Amino acid sequence: MQTSLAIPATDSDTEGGRPKTYVAIAGNIGAGKSTLTEILAEYFGWAPFFERVDDNPYLSDFYRDMNRWSFNLQVFFLSSRFKHQKEIEAAPAAVVQDRSIYEDVEIFARNLHDMGLMATRDYENYRELFSIMTGYLQPPDLLVYLRASVPTLVRQIQARGRDFESGIRIDYLEALNGLYEDWIDRYPYPKLVVETDTLDFVNEPEDRFEIVSRIESRLYGLFPVRG
């Protein structure tokens, strides 16, 4: 079985008969979104857009005091991702994005409100801002959802060793997973759900080849997502 992931010879997806492609990687904290974004960017030659984590000025404070910093954090993520969305639409070639803008409101802000960690007026204000922003945007050509159980998430969060993530609670991850399942069922655009509990696309070449092949088939196979 072939497991090589050499970058194809074409310079961009706008050449060789392939249209410009926009793929977004969705999933809970620790699901492997950034790693898969890197893999796809290298394999296809796509431009990667990563979620702002290491330089996020609110994350450490948020994990120490979610009630105080939830609204600030979500507005920061929303504005950052909206900027990425405009850059993605203006990009001349294909792109892959680490987390979609839809997850901000459908998963994280909603969960904070449900847990009583974001005031209703702040949540409603946030949703209104989100609605205005997304009215100007196009959805991804394909959304790849990395489904992972909480034990898998915990193991991968611990493996990457970010200090500010050490205080994440199990019930917080469980609540996010529940909202992800509700959202992905309702998501109206092309999507691919990948079960990651039995895949190790970080360390195993065969698993990496499998997930890349599935994405390539959905985008460029006999029945691509553009129909």
Protein backbone atom coordinates (compact mmCIF):
# COMPACT_ATOMS: atom_id res chain seq x y z
CA MET A 1 0.00 0.00 0.00
CA GLN A 2 1.34 3.41 -0.97
CA THR A 3 1.94 5.73 1.97
CA SER A 4 4.09 8.46 0.45
CA LEU A 5 2.76 11.99 0.77
CA ALA A 6 4.97 13.81 -1.70
CA ILE A 7 3.71 17.21 -2.82
CA PRO A 8 2.11 17.07 -6.30
CA ALA A 9 3.88 18.70 -9.20
CA THR A 10 1.22 21.33 -9.95
CA ASP A 11 1.90 24.84 -8.66
CA SER A 12 -1.63 25.58 -7.53
CA ASP A 13 -5.17 24.30 -7.76
CA THR A 14 -6.03 26.99 -10.28
CA GLU A 15 -3.76 25.23 -12.74
CA GLY A 16 -4.11 21.81 -14.34
CA GLY A 17 -7.90 22.07 -14.48
CA ARG A 18 -8.50 22.24 -10.71
CA PRO A 19 -10.48 25.19 -9.37
CA LYS A 20 -9.42 27.17 -6.33
CA THR A 21 -10.33 25.18 -3.23
CA TYR A 22 -11.23 26.26 0.30
CA VAL A 23 -11.18 23.53 2.95
CA ALA A 24 -11.85 24.09 6.67
CA ILE A 25 -10.87 21.65 9.44
CA ALA A 26 -13.33 21.50 12.34
CA GLY A 27 -13.15 19.73 15.68
CA ASN A 28 -12.88 19.98 19.43
CA ILE A 29 -9.82 21.13 21.36
CA GLY A 30 -7.08 18.55 20.81
CA ALA A 31 -8.75 16.81 17.86
CA GLY A 32 -5.75 17.35 15.57
CA LYS A 33 -6.92 20.28 13.44
CA SER A 34 -3.60 22.12 13.29
CA THR A 35 -1.70 18.94 12.46
CA LEU A 36 -4.07 18.01 9.66
CA THR A 37 -3.94 21.58 8.35
CA GLU A 38 -0.15 21.27 8.13
CA ILE A 39 -0.38 17.89 6.40
CA LEU A 40 -2.86 19.09 3.78
CA ALA A 41 -0.94 22.30 3.16
CA GLU A 42 2.23 20.30 2.50
CA TYR A 43 0.59 17.61 0.39
CA PHE A 44 -1.59 19.78 -1.84
CA GLY A 45 0.52 22.94 -1.77
CA TRP A 46 -2.36 24.87 -0.18
CA ALA A 47 -1.88 28.05 1.85
CA PRO A 48 -2.57 27.30 5.56
CA PHE A 49 -4.52 29.59 7.88
CA PHE A 50 -4.03 28.70 11.55
CA GLU A 51 -6.12 29.60 14.57
CA ARG A 52 -4.41 32.22 16.73
CA VAL A 53 -3.47 30.36 19.91
CA ASP A 54 0.12 31.05 20.94
CA ASP A 55 -0.27 34.83 20.56
CA ASN A 56 -3.82 35.01 21.87
CA PRO A 57 -3.87 37.62 24.68
CA TYR A 58 -6.95 36.13 26.39
CA LEU A 59 -6.48 32.35 26.50
CA SER A 60 -4.48 32.09 29.72
CA ASP A 61 -6.84 34.43 31.56
CA PHE A 62 -9.86 32.60 30.12
CA TYR A 63 -8.82 29.18 31.40
CA ARG A 64 -8.20 30.70 34.86
CA ASP A 65 -11.51 32.59 34.97
CA MET A 66 -13.95 31.63 32.21
CA ASN A 67 -16.79 33.74 33.54
CA ARG A 68 -14.75 36.96 33.45
CA TRP A 69 -13.03 36.48 30.09
CA SER A 70 -15.45 34.43 27.97
CA PHE A 71 -16.92 37.34 25.98
CA ASN A 72 -13.51 38.95 25.41
CA LEU A 73 -12.04 35.69 24.17
CA GLN A 74 -14.90 34.93 21.80
CA VAL A 75 -14.87 38.41 20.27
CA PHE A 76 -11.12 38.10 19.73
CA PHE A 77 -11.52 34.75 17.96
CA LEU A 78 -14.43 36.03 15.89
CA SER A 79 -12.59 39.13 14.69
CA SER A 80 -9.43 37.12 13.97
CA ARG A 81 -11.31 34.49 11.99
CA PHE A 82 -13.31 37.10 10.07
CA LYS A 83 -10.02 38.67 9.00
CA HIS A 84 -8.83 35.24 7.88
CA GLN A 85 -12.07 34.71 5.95
CA LYS A 86 -11.56 37.90 3.96
CA GLU A 87 -7.94 36.94 3.26
CA ILE A 88 -9.06 33.47 2.17
CA GLU A 89 -11.59 34.89 -0.28
CA ALA A 90 -8.94 37.23 -1.70
CA ALA A 91 -6.26 34.51 -1.96
CA PRO A 92 -5.33 33.61 -5.55
CA ALA A 93 -4.90 29.87 -4.86
CA ALA A 94 -6.29 27.13 -2.63
CA VAL A 95 -6.33 27.37 1.17
CA VAL A 96 -6.90 25.18 4.21
CA GLN A 97 -8.16 26.68 7.48
CA ASP A 98 -7.64 25.48 11.05
CA ARG A 99 -11.18 25.76 12.53
CA SER A 100 -14.11 27.43 10.77
CA ILE A 101 -15.79 30.66 11.78
CA TYR A 102 -19.07 28.77 12.34
CA GLU A 103 -17.65 26.91 15.33
CA ASP A 104 -17.20 30.15 17.25
CA VAL A 105 -20.92 30.76 17.60
CA GLU A 106 -22.32 27.24 17.19
CA ILE A 107 -19.99 25.58 19.68
CA PHE A 108 -17.87 27.76 21.92
CA ALA A 109 -20.01 30.84 22.57
CA ARG A 110 -23.13 28.70 22.84
CA ASN A 111 -21.45 26.40 25.34
CA LEU A 112 -20.24 29.28 27.48
CA HIS A 113 -23.77 30.69 27.56
CA ASP A 114 -25.29 27.27 28.36
CA MET A 115 -22.82 26.86 31.25
CA GLY A 116 -23.70 30.27 32.65
CA LEU A 117 -20.23 31.60 31.82
CA MET A 118 -21.43 34.22 29.34
CA ALA A 119 -24.26 36.63 30.15
CA THR A 120 -27.34 36.43 27.92
CA ARG A 121 -26.99 40.03 26.72
CA ASP A 122 -23.35 39.40 25.78
CA TYR A 123 -24.29 36.18 23.99
CA GLU A 124 -27.10 37.84 22.03
CA ASN A 125 -24.79 40.72 21.12
CA TYR A 126 -22.18 38.21 19.98
CA ARG A 127 -24.66 36.26 17.84
CA GLU A 128 -25.84 39.45 16.18
CA LEU A 129 -22.25 40.41 15.37
CA PHE A 130 -21.63 36.92 13.99
CA SER A 131 -24.75 37.09 11.82
CA ILE A 132 -23.67 40.39 10.31
CA MET A 133 -20.15 39.11 9.58
CA THR A 134 -21.11 35.78 8.05
CA GLY A 135 -23.60 37.47 5.74
CA TYR A 136 -20.57 38.66 3.76
CA LEU A 137 -18.77 35.31 3.61
CA GLN A 138 -18.79 32.15 1.51
CA PRO A 139 -18.78 28.72 3.24
CA PRO A 140 -15.92 26.25 2.67
CA ASP A 141 -16.01 23.99 -0.38
CA LEU A 142 -15.51 21.17 2.10
CA LEU A 143 -15.63 21.08 5.89
CA VAL A 144 -13.68 18.19 7.47
CA TYR A 145 -14.94 17.36 10.96
CA LEU A 146 -12.49 15.44 13.16
CA ARG A 147 -14.66 13.48 15.57
CA ALA A 148 -12.83 12.40 18.74
CA SER A 149 -13.92 11.00 22.10
CA VAL A 150 -13.00 12.85 25.28
CA PRO A 151 -10.25 10.33 26.25
CA THR A 152 -8.62 10.90 22.85
CA LEU A 153 -8.87 14.66 23.28
CA VAL A 154 -7.37 14.53 26.78
CA ARG A 155 -4.48 12.33 25.62
CA GLN A 156 -3.65 14.66 22.75
CA ILE A 157 -4.01 17.82 24.82
CA GLN A 158 -1.60 16.38 27.40
CA ALA A 159 0.85 15.32 24.68
CA ARG A 160 1.24 18.85 23.29
CA GLY A 161 1.81 20.25 26.77
CA ARG A 162 0.41 23.78 26.57
CA ASP A 163 0.43 25.25 30.07
CA PHE A 164 -2.75 27.26 29.61
CA GLU A 165 -4.68 24.09 28.62
CA SER A 166 -3.78 22.20 31.79
CA GLY A 167 -6.89 23.52 33.55
CA ILE A 168 -9.42 22.40 30.93
CA ARG A 169 -12.19 20.42 32.64
CA ILE A 170 -13.54 17.10 31.40
CA ASP A 171 -17.13 18.33 31.58
CA TYR A 172 -16.15 21.29 29.40
CA LEU A 173 -14.81 18.97 26.68
CA GLU A 174 -17.87 16.71 26.98
CA ALA A 175 -20.22 19.66 26.54
CA LEU A 176 -18.29 20.85 23.48
CA ASN A 177 -18.46 17.37 21.95
CA GLY A 178 -22.22 17.32 22.41
CA LEU A 179 -22.60 20.67 20.66
CA TYR A 180 -20.31 19.56 17.84
CA GLU A 181 -22.52 16.53 17.17
CA ASP A 182 -25.65 18.69 17.12
CA TRP A 183 -24.04 21.22 14.80
CA ILE A 184 -22.48 18.78 12.33
CA ASP A 185 -25.87 17.10 11.87
CA ARG A 186 -27.37 20.48 10.91
CA TYR A 187 -24.44 21.79 8.85
CA PRO A 188 -25.97 22.39 5.38
CA TYR A 189 -22.83 22.50 3.20
CA PRO A 190 -20.44 19.76 1.92
CA LYS A 191 -18.78 17.95 4.82
CA LEU A 192 -16.64 14.93 5.62
CA VAL A 193 -16.74 13.34 9.08
CA VAL A 194 -13.54 11.54 10.11
CA GLU A 195 -13.48 9.21 13.13
CA THR A 196 -10.09 9.90 14.73
CA ASP A 197 -10.11 7.60 17.78
CA THR A 198 -8.57 4.81 15.70
CA LEU A 199 -6.45 7.05 13.43
CA ASP A 200 -2.98 8.40 14.21
CA PHE A 201 -2.27 10.63 11.22
CA VAL A 202 0.50 12.34 13.18
CA ASN A 203 2.75 9.28 13.51
CA GLU A 204 1.36 6.61 11.18
CA PRO A 205 1.97 7.10 7.41
CA GLU A 206 -0.87 4.71 6.47
CA ASP A 207 -3.38 6.64 8.57
CA ARG A 208 -2.09 9.90 7.11
CA PHE A 209 -2.47 8.53 3.59
CA GLU A 210 -6.01 7.33 4.37
CA ILE A 211 -7.30 10.69 5.55
CA VAL A 212 -5.61 12.63 2.73
CA SER A 213 -7.01 10.18 0.17
CA ARG A 214 -10.54 10.58 1.51
CA ILE A 215 -10.31 14.36 1.29
CA GLU A 216 -8.80 14.23 -2.19
CA SER A 217 -11.56 11.90 -3.36
CA ARG A 218 -14.31 14.20 -2.04
CA LEU A 219 -12.76 17.22 -3.73
CA TYR A 220 -11.46 15.84 -7.00
CA GLY A 221 -12.88 12.33 -7.44
CA LEU A 222 -15.60 11.00 -9.69
CA PHE A 223 -18.29 12.72 -7.63
CA PRO A 224 -16.60 15.83 -6.17
CA VAL A 225 -18.33 18.09 -3.66
CA ARG A 226 -19.02 20.67 -6.36
CA GLY A 227 -21.17 18.07 -8.04
